[in-house]
Amino acid sequence: MRRLLILGAGTAGTIAANKLRRRLARDEWDVTIVEQRAAHYYQPAFLFIPFGKYKPAKARREASRYIGDGVTRVSGEVDVVDPQGRSVTLVDGTTLAYDYLIIATGTSPHPEETPGMADDWHGAVHSFYTFEDTVALREALAKFDGGKLVMHITEMPIKCPVAPLEFTLLADDHFRRRGIRDKVDITFVTPLDGAFTKPVAAATFGGLLSDRGIALESDFMIESVDAEGHKLVSYDEREVPYDLLVTVPVNRGAAFVGRSGLGDELDFVTVDKGTLRHTVYDTIFAVGDATNVPTSKAGAVAHFEMDTFPDQFMQMIAGEEPEEKFDGHATCFIESGGGKALLIDFNYDTEPLHGTFPLAGVGPLPLLKESRLNHLGKLGFEWAYWSMLLPGRPMPLPAHMSMSGKKTPA
C-alpha cells in the first residue's frame, strides 16, 4: 500500500485530499490528512466581520465535514519532517510515514517579529487575518468615534494582498454610513512604492484612495511600533501617528518547514512554480499559501492550482513530465464600499489589466472597475466555496488565465 500524506486541512489541503482520493485506487493508496485545528474558516468573511456585515459564528464550520470518505484524518501539530526517511513527526510524538507528502499548512501572522507591535495587541493595535483578531477588531471599531485610523502592511508577501486595500475602502464607507467620516483621518501605509504591486492596478487603486480622501504613505519600511506614543516608525525615521492601528504583521509559513530544511527564510516551502514539486526532494509537494511561488497567497490561487495539480501529480508519480503546468493564475474580487467591488485576473507573466471577464466585450464582469456585479460575485462565492470548491467539484472557470477581454496597455 502506497501512502500519500497531506499536512494541513485548510483550503488547499482539503481540495487536494478530496481530488486525489478520487484519482488514487483505494486498494493501492492510503490517503491521510493531518488536521492542525478542528475548525475550518471561511476567511473572506474576516474582512466583513469588523464592520458588522457578517456574523462571526457563520464563518466557522467543522473541518471534518468537508473531507471526503476514504481519507484518514489525524489531529495534531507537525513538529518536523524527515525528507530522507520519508516520515513526519507530530508534536505529541506520533510518527507518520509517507511515500509522497503534500504540505498545505498555509501562512500565519507574527506581530512579535516587529518591535513593539505586540505590546498593545487588541488594545489600539489590531488585525483581521485570524478569527480572534477580526472579532476583536469589530469591538474596537464599534467604539471608535474619530481620530487617526492607519491601515498598515509590514512587508510582503502576505495572505490576500488586496485585503488591506479592501479594508481601507470599506472603513471609509463604514464611517460615511455612520456620519463621522469627517472626524476620521485614514492613512494607508505600505512598504511598496504604490498602492499595489503592479503598475496598472496600483494606479487604479491609488486613484480610489485619493478620491476618498485617504492618504497614501508608500515605501514605508517599518522599524518599530511605538505602542506608548501611538505611532509607526520607519527605518528612514518617518513617523505615522495613529489612534487605531490595523496592521498586517510579518507573514510566515509553518515553523516546521524551517526546522525540516524545506523552506526559504520565511518558512515558505521552496517549490517549482509550475509543478509545485519541491526543488530538492521529488517526493514532496506544497500547495496553497505554504509555497514560495510568486503569485498571491489566496483561495483563488489554491483553486486554480488544484485544477491542474491532480493531473500533474498522477503524471509525476508515474515518472512522466507533466503535460500542463500551473501558470500562477489568480482572480480576486476587491470590495470598495457602497455595494460595489472591483475584479482582477492575472498570472505569473501578466499583471492585472482593464477589460472584461471572463469574455471579451460581453463580460459580464468588468476588470479593475467598480461595479455592483463584482460585489454580488464576491458574495456569491461563499456558496461555491463550501459546496463546490472544498469538495473538489468542477468550477466553471478555466484553470489557466486567458487574455480574452483584457486590454493590453500601450
Protein backbone atom coordinates (compact mmCIF):
# COMPACT_ATOMS: atom_id res chain seq x y z
CA MET A 1 0.00 0.00 0.00
CA ARG A 2 1.44 3.38 -1.03
CA ARG A 3 0.96 6.33 1.29
CA LEU A 4 0.03 9.92 0.48
CA LEU A 5 0.27 12.22 3.48
CA ILE A 6 -1.19 15.73 3.41
CA LEU A 7 -0.26 18.26 6.10
CA GLY A 8 -2.97 20.85 6.68
CA ALA A 9 -6.74 20.78 6.19
CA GLY A 10 -7.29 24.35 5.06
CA THR A 11 -8.49 25.27 1.58
CA ALA A 12 -5.65 23.78 -0.47
CA GLY A 13 -5.15 20.70 1.69
CA THR A 14 -8.84 19.82 1.76
CA ILE A 15 -9.23 20.18 -2.01
CA ALA A 16 -6.08 18.14 -2.61
CA ALA A 17 -7.31 15.34 -0.34
CA ASN A 18 -10.73 15.20 -1.98
CA LYS A 19 -9.50 15.37 -5.57
CA LEU A 20 -6.60 12.94 -5.20
CA ARG A 21 -8.64 10.41 -3.21
CA ARG A 22 -10.85 10.06 -6.30
CA ARG A 23 -7.82 9.59 -8.56
CA LEU A 24 -5.82 7.11 -6.46
CA ALA A 25 -7.01 3.49 -6.35
CA ARG A 26 -8.28 2.66 -2.85
CA ASP A 27 -6.75 -0.82 -2.88
CA GLU A 28 -3.34 0.66 -3.72
CA TRP A 29 -3.21 4.00 -1.89
CA ASP A 30 -3.78 5.23 1.64
CA VAL A 31 -4.56 8.97 1.82
CA THR A 32 -4.11 10.64 5.22
CA ILE A 33 -4.59 14.30 6.15
CA VAL A 34 -3.28 15.95 9.32
CA GLU A 35 -5.76 18.48 10.70
CA GLN A 36 -4.00 21.08 12.82
CA ARG A 37 -7.32 22.56 14.01
CA ALA A 38 -10.86 21.25 14.23
CA ALA A 39 -12.47 24.33 12.68
CA HIS A 40 -12.42 25.41 9.05
CA TYR A 41 -12.86 29.15 8.49
CA TYR A 42 -14.30 30.98 5.52
CA GLN A 43 -11.56 33.59 5.54
CA PRO A 44 -13.07 36.11 3.08
CA ALA A 45 -15.61 36.78 5.84
CA PHE A 46 -12.84 38.13 8.08
CA LEU A 47 -12.96 41.32 6.01
CA PHE A 48 -16.68 41.88 6.70
CA ILE A 49 -16.85 40.91 10.38
CA PRO A 50 -15.21 44.13 11.70
CA PHE A 51 -17.92 46.24 10.06
CA GLY A 52 -20.84 44.20 11.37
CA LYS A 53 -21.65 42.88 7.90
CA TYR A 54 -21.13 39.20 8.77
CA LYS A 55 -21.88 37.15 11.89
CA PRO A 56 -18.66 35.60 13.23
CA ALA A 57 -20.19 32.21 14.00
CA LYS A 58 -21.19 31.79 10.37
CA ALA A 59 -17.54 31.88 9.25
CA ARG A 60 -16.58 28.77 11.24
CA ARG A 61 -17.53 25.19 10.41
CA GLU A 62 -16.27 21.76 11.39
CA ALA A 63 -13.32 20.84 9.15
CA SER A 64 -14.15 17.13 9.10
CA ARG A 65 -17.45 17.83 7.28
CA TYR A 66 -15.54 18.72 4.13
CA ILE A 67 -13.06 15.87 3.99
CA GLY A 68 -14.42 13.06 1.84
CA ASP A 69 -14.81 9.38 2.51
CA GLY A 70 -11.69 7.29 2.21
CA VAL A 71 -9.38 9.93 3.67
CA THR A 72 -7.89 9.10 7.06
CA ARG A 73 -7.92 12.09 9.43
CA VAL A 74 -5.28 12.66 12.09
CA SER A 75 -5.47 15.60 14.51
CA GLY A 76 -2.20 17.13 15.62
CA GLU A 77 0.51 19.71 15.14
CA VAL A 78 3.51 18.93 12.94
CA ASP A 79 6.89 19.03 14.66
CA VAL A 80 9.30 18.02 11.91
CA VAL A 81 9.55 16.35 8.51
CA ASP A 82 12.35 13.85 7.79
CA PRO A 83 12.61 14.02 3.99
CA GLN A 84 15.34 11.37 3.86
CA GLY A 85 13.41 8.88 5.98
CA ARG A 86 10.07 9.94 4.47
CA SER A 87 8.31 10.46 7.76
CA VAL A 88 6.56 13.21 9.69
CA THR A 89 6.66 13.52 13.48
CA LEU A 90 3.87 15.33 15.31
CA VAL A 91 4.33 17.33 18.50
CA ASP A 92 2.74 14.52 20.53
CA GLY A 93 5.38 12.08 19.26
CA THR A 94 3.24 10.33 16.66
CA THR A 95 5.22 9.37 13.56
CA LEU A 96 3.55 9.11 10.15
CA ALA A 97 5.35 7.51 7.22
CA TYR A 98 4.75 8.56 3.63
CA ASP A 99 5.70 7.76 0.08
CA TYR A 100 4.56 11.20 -1.10
CA LEU A 101 3.99 14.29 1.00
CA ILE A 102 1.90 17.40 0.29
CA ILE A 103 2.46 20.39 2.56
CA ALA A 104 -0.58 22.67 2.80
CA THR A 105 -0.06 24.36 6.17
CA GLY A 106 -0.58 27.90 4.91
CA THR A 107 0.76 31.10 6.38
CA SER A 108 0.17 32.99 9.61
CA PRO A 109 0.80 36.50 11.00
CA HIS A 110 3.60 37.13 13.50
CA PRO A 111 3.26 40.53 15.21
CA GLU A 112 6.02 39.63 17.66
CA GLU A 113 8.58 39.94 14.86
CA THR A 114 8.18 43.73 14.69
CA PRO A 115 9.44 45.56 17.81
CA GLY A 116 6.55 46.98 19.81
CA MET A 117 3.78 45.63 17.59
CA ALA A 118 2.57 43.02 20.06
CA ASP A 119 2.84 45.34 23.08
CA ASP A 120 -0.69 46.73 22.66
CA TRP A 121 -2.27 43.89 20.69
CA HIS A 122 -6.07 44.14 20.78
CA GLY A 123 -5.67 47.49 22.50
CA ALA A 124 -5.01 50.21 19.96
CA VAL A 125 -3.29 47.71 17.62
CA HIS A 126 -5.38 45.22 15.66
CA SER A 127 -5.52 43.00 12.60
CA PHE A 128 -8.15 40.92 10.80
CA TYR A 129 -6.21 37.94 9.47
CA THR A 130 -7.29 35.46 12.17
CA PHE A 131 -10.73 34.74 13.56
CA GLU A 132 -9.81 36.03 17.01
CA ASP A 133 -8.27 39.19 15.55
CA THR A 134 -11.21 40.09 13.33
CA VAL A 135 -13.70 39.65 16.21
CA ALA A 136 -11.57 41.87 18.46
CA LEU A 137 -11.34 44.49 15.69
CA ARG A 138 -15.13 44.50 15.38
CA GLU A 139 -15.35 45.53 19.00
CA ALA A 140 -12.69 48.21 18.59
CA LEU A 141 -14.37 49.74 15.54
CA ALA A 142 -17.72 49.87 17.32
CA LYS A 143 -16.11 52.11 19.94
CA PHE A 144 -14.11 54.25 17.50
CA ASP A 145 -15.79 57.63 17.07
CA GLY A 146 -12.99 59.59 15.42
CA GLY A 147 -9.26 60.13 15.16
CA LYS A 148 -6.44 58.66 13.10
CA LEU A 149 -7.06 55.22 11.58
CA VAL A 150 -4.00 53.64 9.97
CA MET A 151 -4.05 50.54 7.75
CA HIS A 152 -0.50 49.19 7.65
CA ILE A 153 1.37 46.42 5.81
CA THR A 154 4.65 45.32 7.41
CA GLU A 155 6.24 43.50 4.47
CA MET A 156 5.39 41.28 1.53
CA PRO A 157 4.38 38.56 0.89
CA ILE A 158 1.09 38.47 2.79
CA LYS A 159 -2.07 36.43 2.58
CA CYS A 160 -4.53 38.04 0.15
CA PRO A 161 -2.50 41.16 -0.78
CA VAL A 162 -5.61 43.12 -1.81
CA ALA A 163 -7.31 42.68 1.58
CA PRO A 164 -5.64 45.72 3.22
CA LEU A 165 -6.93 47.89 0.36
CA GLU A 166 -10.38 46.39 0.76
CA PHE A 167 -10.36 47.08 4.48
CA THR A 168 -9.33 50.69 3.89
CA LEU A 169 -12.09 51.32 1.35
CA LEU A 170 -14.68 49.56 3.49
CA ALA A 171 -13.59 51.62 6.51
CA ASP A 172 -14.15 54.80 4.51
CA ASP A 173 -17.65 53.57 3.58
CA HIS A 174 -18.31 52.46 7.19
CA PHE A 175 -17.53 55.87 8.65
CA ARG A 176 -19.56 57.64 5.96
CA ARG A 177 -22.56 55.49 6.82
CA ARG A 178 -22.09 56.33 10.48
CA GLY A 179 -21.90 60.03 9.59
CA ILE A 180 -18.46 60.52 11.15
CA ARG A 181 -16.16 60.37 8.11
CA ASP A 182 -15.17 64.00 8.65
CA LYS A 183 -13.91 63.04 12.11
CA VAL A 184 -11.63 60.26 10.85
CA ASP A 185 -8.25 60.59 9.12
CA ILE A 186 -7.43 57.39 7.19
CA THR A 187 -3.88 56.56 6.08
CA PHE A 188 -2.77 53.56 4.05
CA VAL A 189 0.85 52.67 4.89
CA THR A 190 2.74 50.23 2.67
CA PRO A 191 6.32 49.11 2.00
CA LEU A 192 5.50 49.18 -1.73
CA ASP A 193 6.11 52.20 -3.94
CA GLY A 194 2.38 52.48 -4.64
CA ALA A 195 -1.00 51.15 -3.62
CA PHE A 196 -0.33 47.72 -5.18
CA THR A 197 2.46 45.61 -6.59
CA LYS A 198 1.76 46.10 -10.32
CA PRO A 199 1.63 49.45 -12.19
CA VAL A 200 -1.82 49.33 -13.84
CA ALA A 201 -3.59 48.12 -10.70
CA ALA A 202 -1.51 50.42 -8.49
CA ALA A 203 -2.69 53.45 -10.50
CA THR A 204 -6.33 52.35 -10.23
CA PHE A 205 -6.19 51.66 -6.51
CA GLY A 206 -4.19 54.81 -5.84
CA GLY A 207 -6.92 56.78 -7.60
CA LEU A 208 -9.59 55.17 -5.41
CA LEU A 209 -7.70 56.13 -2.26
CA SER A 210 -7.19 59.69 -3.48
CA ASP A 211 -10.84 60.11 -4.48
CA ARG A 212 -11.91 59.09 -0.98
CA GLY A 213 -9.51 61.40 0.80
CA ILE A 214 -7.30 58.56 2.05
CA ALA A 215 -3.62 59.38 2.48
CA LEU A 216 -1.05 57.01 0.95
CA GLU A 217 2.29 56.56 2.74
CA SER A 218 4.43 54.43 0.43
CA ASP A 219 7.95 52.97 0.68
CA PHE A 220 7.45 52.73 4.45
CA MET A 221 9.83 50.12 5.84
CA ILE A 222 8.78 49.77 9.45
CA GLU A 223 11.42 49.69 12.18
CA SER A 224 9.08 49.57 15.17
CA VAL A 225 5.69 50.37 16.65
CA ASP A 226 5.78 52.90 19.46
CA ALA A 227 2.84 51.45 21.40
CA GLU A 228 3.02 54.09 24.13
CA GLY A 229 3.32 57.04 21.74
CA HIS A 230 0.84 55.52 19.24
CA LYS A 231 3.00 55.85 16.14
CA LEU A 232 4.73 53.79 13.48
CA VAL A 233 8.43 54.45 12.99
CA SER A 234 10.27 53.63 9.75
CA TYR A 235 13.95 52.93 9.21
CA ASP A 236 14.28 56.31 7.49
CA GLU A 237 12.85 57.89 10.68
CA ARG A 238 9.44 58.80 9.28
CA GLU A 239 6.61 58.58 11.80
CA VAL A 240 2.92 57.89 11.25
CA PRO A 241 0.70 58.58 14.28
CA TYR A 242 -2.43 56.53 14.96
CA ASP A 243 -5.33 56.27 17.36
CA LEU A 244 -6.34 52.90 15.92
CA LEU A 245 -3.78 50.82 14.03
CA VAL A 246 -4.91 47.94 11.80
CA THR A 247 -1.81 46.11 10.68
CA VAL A 248 -0.73 43.13 8.62
CA PRO A 249 2.21 41.66 10.55
CA VAL A 250 5.04 39.65 9.05
CA ASN A 251 3.59 36.55 7.39
CA ARG A 252 5.46 33.26 7.76
CA GLY A 253 4.94 29.68 6.76
CA ALA A 254 4.77 26.90 9.33
CA ALA A 255 7.79 26.72 11.66
CA PHE A 256 8.32 23.01 10.99
CA VAL A 257 9.15 23.87 7.37
CA GLY A 258 12.23 25.74 8.52
CA ARG A 259 13.15 23.11 11.09
CA SER A 260 12.97 20.47 8.37
CA GLY A 261 15.14 22.37 5.89
CA LEU A 262 12.35 22.60 3.32
CA GLY A 263 11.77 26.33 3.00
CA ASP A 264 13.07 29.84 2.50
CA GLU A 265 13.88 32.47 5.13
CA LEU A 266 10.15 32.95 5.83
CA ASP A 267 9.46 29.19 6.07
CA PHE A 268 7.59 29.01 2.77
CA VAL A 269 8.24 25.70 1.00
CA THR A 270 10.57 26.11 -1.97
CA VAL A 271 8.91 24.52 -4.99
CA ASP A 272 9.00 24.66 -8.76
CA LYS A 273 6.38 27.28 -9.62
CA GLY A 274 4.89 25.20 -12.44
CA THR A 275 4.72 21.74 -10.85
CA LEU A 276 4.64 22.66 -7.13
CA ARG A 277 7.24 19.95 -6.54
CA HIS A 278 9.98 20.63 -4.00
CA THR A 279 13.19 21.91 -5.53
CA VAL A 280 15.29 19.24 -3.77
CA TYR A 281 13.04 16.34 -2.72
CA ASP A 282 10.96 14.84 -5.51
CA THR A 283 8.54 13.08 -3.14
CA ILE A 284 7.47 16.37 -1.51
CA PHE A 285 5.00 18.93 -2.88
CA ALA A 286 3.44 22.07 -1.46
CA VAL A 287 0.19 23.83 -2.36
CA GLY A 288 -1.73 26.95 -1.41
CA ASP A 289 -0.28 29.62 0.86
CA ALA A 290 2.50 27.31 2.08
CA THR A 291 4.56 27.72 -1.11
CA ASN A 292 7.05 30.34 -2.23
CA VAL A 293 5.55 30.67 -5.73
CA PRO A 294 5.48 34.29 -7.00
CA THR A 295 1.74 34.86 -7.03
CA SER A 296 -0.90 35.84 -4.47
CA LYS A 297 -1.46 33.79 -1.36
CA ALA A 298 -5.22 33.46 -1.79
CA GLY A 299 -8.01 30.94 -2.00
CA ALA A 300 -8.38 31.59 -5.73
CA VAL A 301 -4.78 30.51 -6.27
CA ALA A 302 -5.41 27.29 -4.33
CA HIS A 303 -8.46 26.74 -6.54
CA PHE A 304 -6.57 27.14 -9.82
CA GLU A 305 -3.60 25.13 -8.54
CA MET A 306 -5.94 22.28 -7.75
CA ASP A 307 -7.42 22.41 -11.25
CA THR A 308 -4.03 21.37 -12.67
CA PHE A 309 -2.19 19.69 -9.80
CA PRO A 310 -4.06 16.34 -9.64
CA ASP A 311 -3.17 15.56 -13.27
CA GLN A 312 0.39 16.76 -12.69
CA PHE A 313 0.72 14.62 -9.58
CA MET A 314 -0.50 11.48 -11.33
CA GLN A 315 1.94 12.04 -14.18
CA MET A 316 4.90 12.82 -11.90
CA ILE A 317 4.45 9.76 -9.67
CA ALA A 318 4.36 7.72 -12.88
CA GLY A 319 7.75 9.18 -13.79
CA GLU A 320 6.38 11.39 -16.55
CA GLU A 321 6.79 15.11 -17.24
CA PRO A 322 3.53 16.98 -16.56
CA GLU A 323 1.67 17.97 -19.73
CA GLU A 324 0.38 21.19 -18.11
CA LYS A 325 1.93 23.45 -15.52
CA PHE A 326 0.39 25.94 -13.13
CA ASP A 327 0.65 29.46 -14.58
CA GLY A 328 0.15 31.44 -11.38
CA HIS A 329 -3.49 32.24 -12.18
CA ALA A 330 -5.30 34.35 -9.60
CA THR A 331 -8.72 36.00 -9.67
CA CYS A 332 -9.67 38.35 -6.83
CA PHE A 333 -12.70 40.48 -6.05
CA ILE A 334 -11.84 43.71 -4.23
CA GLU A 335 -14.60 45.27 -2.14
CA SER A 336 -14.65 49.06 -2.49
CA GLY A 337 -17.68 50.05 -0.41
CA GLY A 338 -21.15 51.22 -1.37
CA GLY A 339 -22.16 47.74 -2.53
CA LYS A 340 -19.51 47.70 -5.27
CA ALA A 341 -16.29 45.83 -5.94
CA LEU A 342 -13.51 45.55 -8.49
CA LEU A 343 -12.07 42.40 -10.06
CA ILE A 344 -8.52 41.50 -11.04
CA ASP A 345 -7.37 38.48 -13.07
CA PHE A 346 -3.66 37.80 -13.60
CA ASN A 347 -0.86 35.21 -13.53
CA TYR A 348 2.91 34.92 -13.28
CA ASP A 349 3.51 36.76 -16.54
CA THR A 350 0.53 39.12 -16.92
CA GLU A 351 -0.34 41.85 -14.44
CA PRO A 352 -3.95 42.82 -13.64
CA LEU A 353 -5.35 44.71 -16.64
CA HIS A 354 -8.51 46.60 -17.56
CA GLY A 355 -11.16 44.87 -19.63
CA THR A 356 -13.95 42.35 -19.12
CA PHE A 357 -14.12 38.89 -17.56
CA PRO A 358 -14.43 36.10 -18.50
CA LEU A 359 -15.47 37.00 -22.08
CA ALA A 360 -14.25 39.81 -24.33
CA GLY A 361 -16.80 42.60 -24.58
CA VAL A 362 -19.57 40.50 -23.06
CA GLY A 363 -18.05 40.19 -19.60
CA PRO A 364 -20.26 40.35 -17.67
CA LEU A 365 -17.71 41.38 -15.03
CA PRO A 366 -15.53 44.48 -15.56
CA LEU A 367 -11.86 44.29 -14.67
CA LEU A 368 -10.28 47.00 -12.49
CA LYS A 369 -13.56 48.89 -12.41
CA GLU A 370 -16.10 49.24 -9.62
CA SER A 371 -19.42 47.52 -10.25
CA ARG A 372 -22.39 46.05 -8.41
CA LEU A 373 -21.95 42.77 -10.31
CA ASN A 374 -18.45 42.31 -8.93
CA HIS A 375 -19.78 42.82 -5.41
CA LEU A 376 -22.50 40.24 -5.97
CA GLY A 377 -19.88 37.90 -7.40
CA LYS A 378 -17.86 38.15 -4.19
CA LEU A 379 -20.92 37.49 -2.05
CA GLY A 380 -21.97 34.56 -4.23
CA PHE A 381 -18.57 32.91 -3.95
CA GLU A 382 -19.33 31.79 -0.40
CA TRP A 383 -21.86 29.21 -1.58
CA ALA A 384 -19.43 27.98 -4.24
CA TYR A 385 -16.65 27.71 -1.66
CA TRP A 386 -18.49 25.37 0.70
CA SER A 387 -20.49 23.46 -1.93
CA MET A 388 -18.08 23.13 -4.85
CA LEU A 389 -14.54 24.28 -4.17
CA LEU A 390 -13.77 22.41 -0.91
CA PRO A 391 -15.40 19.13 -2.02
CA GLY A 392 -13.28 19.30 -5.18
CA ARG A 393 -16.14 19.59 -7.65
CA PRO A 394 -15.55 21.24 -11.05
CA MET A 395 -15.83 25.03 -11.11
CA PRO A 396 -16.95 26.83 -14.31
CA LEU A 397 -13.70 28.78 -14.76
CA PRO A 398 -10.61 27.87 -16.81
CA ALA A 399 -7.55 26.85 -14.79
CA HIS A 400 -5.23 28.93 -16.94
CA MET A 401 -5.53 32.68 -17.30
CA SER A 402 -6.92 33.88 -20.62
CA MET A 403 -6.15 37.17 -22.34
CA SER A 404 -9.72 37.27 -23.65
CA GLY A 405 -11.28 40.60 -22.76
CA LYS A 406 -8.08 42.14 -21.41
CA LYS A 407 -6.76 45.46 -22.69
CA THR A 408 -3.01 45.47 -23.04
CA PRO A 409 -1.57 48.92 -22.22
CA ALA A 410 0.43 50.69 -24.89
